Protein backbone atom coordinates (compact mmCIF):
# COMPACT_ATOMS: atom_id res chain seq x y z
CA MET A 1 -44.04 45.53 -3.73
CA ARG A 2 -40.85 47.24 -3.05
CA SER A 3 -40.63 50.92 -2.05
CA HIS A 4 -37.09 51.35 -3.10
CA LYS A 5 -34.56 49.81 -5.44
CA ASN A 6 -32.37 48.94 -2.80
CA GLN A 7 -34.43 47.48 -0.62
CA LEU A 8 -33.10 43.92 0.38
CA ASP A 9 -35.07 40.45 0.35
CA ILE A 10 -35.24 38.75 3.46
CA PHE A 11 -35.16 34.98 2.34
CA ASP A 12 -32.44 36.48 -0.77
CA HIS A 13 -30.24 38.22 1.61
CA ASP A 14 -30.23 36.26 4.79
CA PRO A 15 -26.70 36.12 6.62
CA ALA A 16 -27.40 32.26 7.55
CA VAL A 17 -28.93 31.51 4.25
CA ARG A 18 -25.63 32.82 2.67
CA ALA A 19 -23.32 30.82 5.06
CA ARG A 20 -25.00 27.59 4.94
CA GLN A 21 -24.28 27.99 0.88
CA LYS A 22 -20.90 28.98 1.93
CA ALA A 23 -20.58 25.91 3.94
CA HIS A 24 -21.72 23.33 0.99
CA ALA A 25 -19.67 25.34 -1.26
CA SER A 26 -16.05 24.66 0.87
CA ARG A 27 -17.37 20.86 0.99
CA GLU A 28 -17.53 20.58 -2.61
CA ALA A 29 -14.28 22.34 -2.76
CA ALA A 30 -12.90 20.09 -0.05
CA VAL A 31 -14.11 17.07 -2.21
CA ILE A 32 -12.38 18.62 -5.20
CA ALA A 33 -8.88 18.92 -3.49
CA LEU A 34 -8.65 15.55 -2.59
CA VAL A 35 -8.26 14.49 -6.55
CA ASP A 36 -6.68 17.72 -7.88
CA PRO A 37 -3.74 16.81 -10.17
CA HIS A 38 -2.11 20.10 -9.85
CA TRP A 39 -1.14 19.59 -6.08
CA THR A 40 0.88 16.83 -4.02
CA PRO A 41 -0.53 14.32 -2.03
CA THR A 42 0.37 16.59 0.51
CA GLU A 43 -0.65 19.72 -0.45
CA ARG A 44 -4.45 18.13 -1.52
CA ARG A 45 -4.66 16.95 2.72
CA GLU A 46 -4.04 19.77 3.60
CA ARG A 47 -6.08 21.87 1.39
CA ASN A 48 -8.72 19.53 2.02
CA ALA A 49 -8.46 19.82 5.90
CA HIS A 50 -9.02 24.10 5.29
CA TYR A 51 -11.79 23.46 3.30
CA LEU A 52 -13.67 21.68 6.48
CA ALA A 53 -12.43 24.13 8.26
CA GLU A 54 -13.87 26.84 7.03
CA ALA A 55 -17.26 24.79 6.25
CA GLU A 56 -17.28 24.41 10.14
CA ARG A 57 -17.43 27.99 10.70
CA PHE A 58 -19.48 28.48 8.12
CA ASP A 59 -21.59 26.26 9.83
CA ALA A 60 -21.35 28.01 12.92
CA GLU A 61 -22.03 31.50 11.65
CA ALA A 62 -25.29 29.67 10.29
CA HIS A 63 -26.08 28.80 13.71
CA GLU A 64 -25.01 31.90 15.17
CA GLY A 65 -27.23 34.00 13.34
CA PHE A 66 -30.67 31.45 13.39
CA THR A 67 -32.74 32.84 16.18
CA LEU A 68 -36.11 32.17 16.62
């Protein structure tokens, strides 16, 4: 039972978990960016590269936050 309404849940608010979720979402966005009809082929590749770079950054954040 929580003693205070503003107390965060350690599992729901873990920065490493959030970073992994963002990395997963960025990878999904990268796949979609390759087939998005609203952009030129060059822009699609640039957007894909951007989303993949963001995913790598989030992965690094997740590994940084993970300590035993």
